[in-house]
Amino acid sequence: MAFIFREKGVQWERLAFIFDDKWIIRGSIKTKRDIETSKMILSELPIETEALVLDEAEILIKLPKTIKAIIRRRVHSAEPGDIIYRPQIPAISIFADYMDIYEPVENIGTIDRRDIDKLIEFARNVKNVVFVEIIGADELEKRLRKKKVEEGGESTP
């Protein structure tokens, strides 16, 4: 079952960012017809890469070089929880604080509001490069169920 929901003509698909196998931060990216970047990211899942926390406000996640798209709607600022595509690197940034952005970028998604506090805590406490895996929500739920079974929490059907 795919985790997809629609809102005002925009379709969203849920995913998860797993940092160093410890921090799980859930989010959603827009999959509207004209947002090529999101579709490219989803088609590459799972993505295993590196992330860097900048100024306790931004988590910069390097994307594979194959994910390169033209931005359609440039934004000039970010709010906590925004997922921003940076075509010049290529990378995505997840923001844990308000920030002005001066280069051409596009807002492609948002972090689940229930995980905003976890995002802020992560950005404040991580001081070096970390491993990150980006996976779909279905895969995350499957892994969490398997872990629960392995820990003796329930039996498999």
C-alpha atoms as a PDB file:
ATOM      1  CA  MET A   1       0.000   0.000   0.000  1.00  0.00           C
ATOM      2  CA  ALA A   2       1.575   3.279  -1.087  1.00  0.00           C
ATOM      3  CA  PHE A   3       1.348   6.199   1.305  1.00  0.00           C
ATOM      4  CA  ILE A   4      -0.039   8.857  -1.018  1.00  0.00           C
ATOM      5  CA  PHE A   5      -2.427  11.654  -0.201  1.00  0.00           C
ATOM      6  CA  ARG A   6      -3.885  14.533  -2.151  1.00  0.00           C
ATOM      7  CA  GLU A   7      -4.342  18.150  -1.161  1.00  0.00           C
ATOM      8  CA  LYS A   8      -5.663  21.001  -3.333  1.00  0.00           C
ATOM      9  CA  GLY A   9      -4.568  19.483  -6.636  1.00  0.00           C
ATOM     10  CA  VAL A  10      -1.165  18.392  -5.314  1.00  0.00           C
ATOM     11  CA  GLN A  11      -0.341  14.761  -4.714  1.00  0.00           C
ATOM     12  CA  TRP A  12       2.119  13.959  -1.926  1.00  0.00           C
ATOM     13  CA  GLU A  13       4.127  10.815  -1.276  1.00  0.00           C
ATOM     14  CA  ARG A  14       5.504   9.985   2.140  1.00  0.00           C
ATOM     15  CA  LEU A  15       9.089   9.006   2.794  1.00  0.00           C
ATOM     16  CA  ALA A  16      11.546   8.743   5.664  1.00  0.00           C
ATOM     17  CA  PHE A  17      15.066   9.981   6.297  1.00  0.00           C
ATOM     18  CA  ILE A  18      17.061   7.602   8.501  1.00  0.00           C
ATOM     19  CA  PHE A  19      20.234   9.213   9.882  1.00  0.00           C
ATOM     20  CA  ASP A  20      22.983   6.902  11.189  1.00  0.00           C
ATOM     21  CA  ASP A  21      20.382   4.154  11.797  1.00  0.00           C
ATOM     22  CA  LYS A  22      19.220   6.149  14.857  1.00  0.00           C
ATOM     23  CA  TRP A  23      17.176   9.165  13.879  1.00  0.00           C
ATOM     24  CA  ILE A  24      14.035   8.600  11.785  1.00  0.00           C
ATOM     25  CA  ILE A  25      12.443  11.746  10.411  1.00  0.00           C
ATOM     26  CA  ARG A  26       9.321  11.378   8.280  1.00  0.00           C
ATOM     27  CA  GLY A  27       8.287  13.704   5.506  1.00  0.00           C
ATOM     28  CA  SER A  28       6.341  14.068   2.281  1.00  0.00           C
ATOM     29  CA  ILE A  29       7.293  15.335  -1.141  1.00  0.00           C
ATOM     30  CA  LYS A  30       5.052  16.756  -3.835  1.00  0.00           C
ATOM     31  CA  THR A  31       4.533  14.573  -6.885  1.00  0.00           C
ATOM     32  CA  LYS A  32       2.542  16.995  -8.983  1.00  0.00           C
ATOM     33  CA  ARG A  33       2.971  16.720 -12.753  1.00  0.00           C
ATOM     34  CA  ASP A  34       5.403  19.641 -13.031  1.00  0.00           C
ATOM     35  CA  ILE A  35       7.678  18.687 -10.130  1.00  0.00           C
ATOM     36  CA  GLU A  36      10.283  16.530 -11.892  1.00  0.00           C
ATOM     37  CA  THR A  37      12.689  16.433  -8.969  1.00  0.00           C
ATOM     38  CA  SER A  38      10.316  14.602  -6.636  1.00  0.00           C
ATOM     39  CA  LYS A  39       9.613  11.949  -9.246  1.00  0.00           C
ATOM     40  CA  MET A  40      13.346  11.462  -9.821  1.00  0.00           C
ATOM     41  CA  ILE A  41      13.988  11.099  -6.083  1.00  0.00           C
ATOM     42  CA  LEU A  42      11.160   8.585  -5.689  1.00  0.00           C
ATOM     43  CA  SER A  43      12.395   6.536  -8.648  1.00  0.00           C
ATOM     44  CA  GLU A  44      15.875   6.253  -7.054  1.00  0.00           C
ATOM     45  CA  LEU A  45      14.675   5.036  -3.620  1.00  0.00           C
ATOM     46  CA  PRO A  46      16.293   3.788  -1.508  1.00  0.00           C
ATOM     47  CA  ILE A  47      19.003   6.441  -1.610  1.00  0.00           C
ATOM     48  CA  GLU A  48      22.058   5.948   0.591  1.00  0.00           C
ATOM     49  CA  THR A  49      24.213   9.038   0.928  1.00  0.00           C
ATOM     50  CA  GLU A  50      25.756  11.565   3.310  1.00  0.00           C
ATOM     51  CA  ALA A  51      24.312  14.540   5.132  1.00  0.00           C
ATOM     52  CA  LEU A  52      25.891  17.540   6.787  1.00  0.00           C
ATOM     53  CA  VAL A  53      24.305  19.859   9.364  1.00  0.00           C
ATOM     54  CA  LEU A  54      24.992  23.533   8.673  1.00  0.00           C
ATOM     55  CA  ASP A  55      24.666  26.174  11.422  1.00  0.00           C
ATOM     56  CA  GLU A  56      22.213  24.003  13.378  1.00  0.00           C
ATOM     57  CA  ALA A  57      19.575  25.170  10.886  1.00  0.00           C
ATOM     58  CA  GLU A  58      19.954  23.149   7.693  1.00  0.00           C
ATOM     59  CA  ILE A  59      20.562  19.483   6.950  1.00  0.00           C
ATOM     60  CA  LEU A  60      22.185  19.233   3.522  1.00  0.00           C
ATOM     61  CA  ILE A  61      21.709  15.808   1.902  1.00  0.00           C
ATOM     62  CA  LYS A  62      23.761  14.985  -1.178  1.00  0.00           C
ATOM     63  CA  LEU A  63      21.761  13.386  -3.995  1.00  0.00           C
ATOM     64  CA  PRO A  64      23.016  11.097  -6.768  1.00  0.00           C
ATOM     65  CA  LYS A  65      24.249  13.057  -9.798  1.00  0.00           C
ATOM     66  CA  THR A  66      21.481  11.419 -11.874  1.00  0.00           C
ATOM     67  CA  ILE A  67      18.908  13.520 -10.020  1.00  0.00           C
ATOM     68  CA  LYS A  68      19.144  16.792 -11.889  1.00  0.00           C
ATOM     69  CA  ALA A  69      16.045  18.816 -12.734  1.00  0.00           C
ATOM     70  CA  ILE A  70      15.047  22.330 -13.662  1.00  0.00           C
ATOM     71  CA  ILE A  71      13.266  24.198 -10.895  1.00  0.00           C
ATOM     72  CA  ARG A  72       9.809  25.539 -11.706  1.00  0.00           C
ATOM     73  CA  ARG A  73       8.919  27.656  -8.669  1.00  0.00           C
ATOM     74  CA  ARG A  74      11.837  29.433  -7.040  1.00  0.00           C
ATOM     75  CA  VAL A  75      11.571  30.195  -3.335  1.00  0.00           C
ATOM     76  CA  HIS A  76      13.603  32.714  -1.333  1.00  0.00           C
ATOM     77  CA  SER A  77      13.078  31.542   2.228  1.00  0.00           C
ATOM     78  CA  ALA A  78      12.592  28.359   4.222  1.00  0.00           C
ATOM     79  CA  GLU A  79      10.687  27.510   7.368  1.00  0.00           C
ATOM     80  CA  PRO A  80      11.306  24.692   9.856  1.00  0.00           C
ATOM     81  CA  GLY A  81      10.358  21.421   8.178  1.00  0.00           C
ATOM     82  CA  ASP A  82      10.707  22.582   4.567  1.00  0.00           C
ATOM     83  CA  ILE A  83      12.385  20.189   2.134  1.00  0.00           C
ATOM     84  CA  ILE A  84      14.199  22.240  -0.513  1.00  0.00           C
ATOM     85  CA  TYR A  85      15.803  21.003  -3.738  1.00  0.00           C
ATOM     86  CA  ARG A  86      19.212  22.539  -4.576  1.00  0.00           C
ATOM     87  CA  PRO A  87      19.894  21.814  -8.279  1.00  0.00           C
ATOM     88  CA  GLN A  88      23.408  23.263  -8.366  1.00  0.00           C
ATOM     89  CA  ILE A  89      24.842  20.566  -6.024  1.00  0.00           C
ATOM     90  CA  PRO A  90      22.481  18.420  -6.492  1.00  0.00           C
ATOM     91  CA  ALA A  91      21.112  18.044  -2.973  1.00  0.00           C
ATOM     92  CA  ILE A  92      18.082  18.519  -0.804  1.00  0.00           C
ATOM     93  CA  SER A  93      18.055  20.571   2.358  1.00  0.00           C
ATOM     94  CA  ILE A  94      15.784  20.020   5.314  1.00  0.00           C
ATOM     95  CA  PHE A  95      15.428  23.141   7.414  1.00  0.00           C
ATOM     96  CA  ALA A  96      15.248  23.166  11.200  1.00  0.00           C
ATOM     97  CA  ASP A  97      15.005  26.959  11.415  1.00  0.00           C
ATOM     98  CA  TYR A  98      13.882  29.964   9.372  1.00  0.00           C
ATOM     99  CA  MET A  99      16.382  30.980   6.704  1.00  0.00           C
ATOM    100  CA  ASP A 100      16.695  33.247   3.680  1.00  0.00           C
ATOM    101  CA  ILE A 101      17.991  31.522   0.543  1.00  0.00           C
ATOM    102  CA  TYR A 102      19.837  33.426  -2.155  1.00  0.00           C
ATOM    103  CA  GLU A 103      20.508  30.818  -4.850  1.00  0.00           C
ATOM    104  CA  PRO A 104      17.797  29.268  -7.065  1.00  0.00           C
ATOM    105  CA  VAL A 105      16.004  26.513  -5.119  1.00  0.00           C
ATOM    106  CA  GLU A 106      12.573  24.893  -5.075  1.00  0.00           C
ATOM    107  CA  ASN A 107      10.401  23.751  -2.167  1.00  0.00           C
ATOM    108  CA  ILE A 108       9.486  20.129  -2.893  1.00  0.00           C
ATOM    109  CA  GLY A 109       8.100  18.942   0.420  1.00  0.00           C
ATOM    110  CA  THR A 110       7.767  19.104   4.164  1.00  0.00           C
ATOM    111  CA  ILE A 111       8.661  17.154   7.278  1.00  0.00           C
ATOM    112  CA  ASP A 112       5.789  15.593   9.224  1.00  0.00           C
ATOM    113  CA  ARG A 113       4.772  18.122  11.874  1.00  0.00           C
ATOM    114  CA  ARG A 114       5.053  15.395  14.541  1.00  0.00           C
ATOM    115  CA  ASP A 115       8.772  15.105  13.718  1.00  0.00           C
ATOM    116  CA  ILE A 116       9.660  18.835  13.704  1.00  0.00           C
ATOM    117  CA  ASP A 117      10.937  18.771  17.308  1.00  0.00           C
ATOM    118  CA  LYS A 118      13.043  15.693  16.505  1.00  0.00           C
ATOM    119  CA  LEU A 119      14.410  17.500  13.418  1.00  0.00           C
ATOM    120  CA  ILE A 120      15.391  20.550  15.491  1.00  0.00           C
ATOM    121  CA  GLU A 121      17.046  18.347  18.137  1.00  0.00           C
ATOM    122  CA  PHE A 122      18.964  16.458  15.437  1.00  0.00           C
ATOM    123  CA  ALA A 123      20.201  19.701  13.840  1.00  0.00           C
ATOM    124  CA  ARG A 124      21.380  21.035  17.208  1.00  0.00           C
ATOM    125  CA  ASN A 125      23.172  17.868  18.315  1.00  0.00           C
ATOM    126  CA  VAL A 126      24.853  16.478  15.196  1.00  0.00           C
ATOM    127  CA  LYS A 127      28.171  18.160  14.472  1.00  0.00           C
ATOM    128  CA  ASN A 128      29.682  16.047  11.694  1.00  0.00           C
ATOM    129  CA  VAL A 129      28.900  14.227   8.467  1.00  0.00           C
ATOM    130  CA  VAL A 130      26.312  11.477   8.947  1.00  0.00           C
ATOM    131  CA  PHE A 131      25.081   8.594   6.838  1.00  0.00           C
ATOM    132  CA  VAL A 132      21.487   8.969   5.640  1.00  0.00           C
ATOM    133  CA  GLU A 133      19.139   6.575   3.923  1.00  0.00           C
ATOM    134  CA  ILE A 134      16.023   7.904   2.213  1.00  0.00           C
ATOM    135  CA  ILE A 135      13.267   5.307   1.861  1.00  0.00           C
ATOM    136  CA  GLY A 136       9.556   5.204   1.084  1.00  0.00           C
ATOM    137  CA  ALA A 137       7.033   5.076   3.925  1.00  0.00           C
ATOM    138  CA  ASP A 138       5.998   1.533   2.953  1.00  0.00           C
ATOM    139  CA  GLU A 139       9.574   0.313   3.396  1.00  0.00           C
ATOM    140  CA  LEU A 140       9.870   2.086   6.753  1.00  0.00           C
ATOM    141  CA  GLU A 141       6.686   0.471   8.068  1.00  0.00           C
ATOM    142  CA  LYS A 142       7.890  -2.946   6.896  1.00  0.00           C
ATOM    143  CA  ARG A 143      11.220  -2.475   8.710  1.00  0.00           C
ATOM    144  CA  LEU A 144       9.541  -1.286  11.908  1.00  0.00           C
ATOM    145  CA  ARG A 145       7.183  -4.301  11.910  1.00  0.00           C
ATOM    146  CA  LYS A 146      10.123  -6.666  11.353  1.00  0.00           C
ATOM    147  CA  LYS A 147      12.080  -5.053  14.196  1.00  0.00           C
ATOM    148  CA  LYS A 148       9.103  -5.389  16.520  1.00  0.00           C
ATOM    149  CA  VAL A 149       8.777  -9.079  15.654  1.00  0.00           C
ATOM    150  CA  GLU A 150      12.511  -9.632  16.217  1.00  0.00           C
ATOM    151  CA  GLU A 151      12.228  -7.999  19.616  1.00  0.00           C
ATOM    152  CA  GLY A 152       9.362 -10.339  20.519  1.00  0.00           C
ATOM    153  CA  GLY A 153       6.623  -7.723  20.310  1.00  0.00           C
ATOM    154  CA  GLU A 154       4.297  -9.635  17.993  1.00  0.00           C
ATOM    155  CA  SER A 155       4.150 -12.608  15.676  1.00  0.00           C
ATOM    156  CA  THR A 156       4.124 -12.480  11.899  1.00  0.00           C
ATOM    157  CA  PRO A 157       0.818 -13.290  10.182  1.00  0.00           C
END
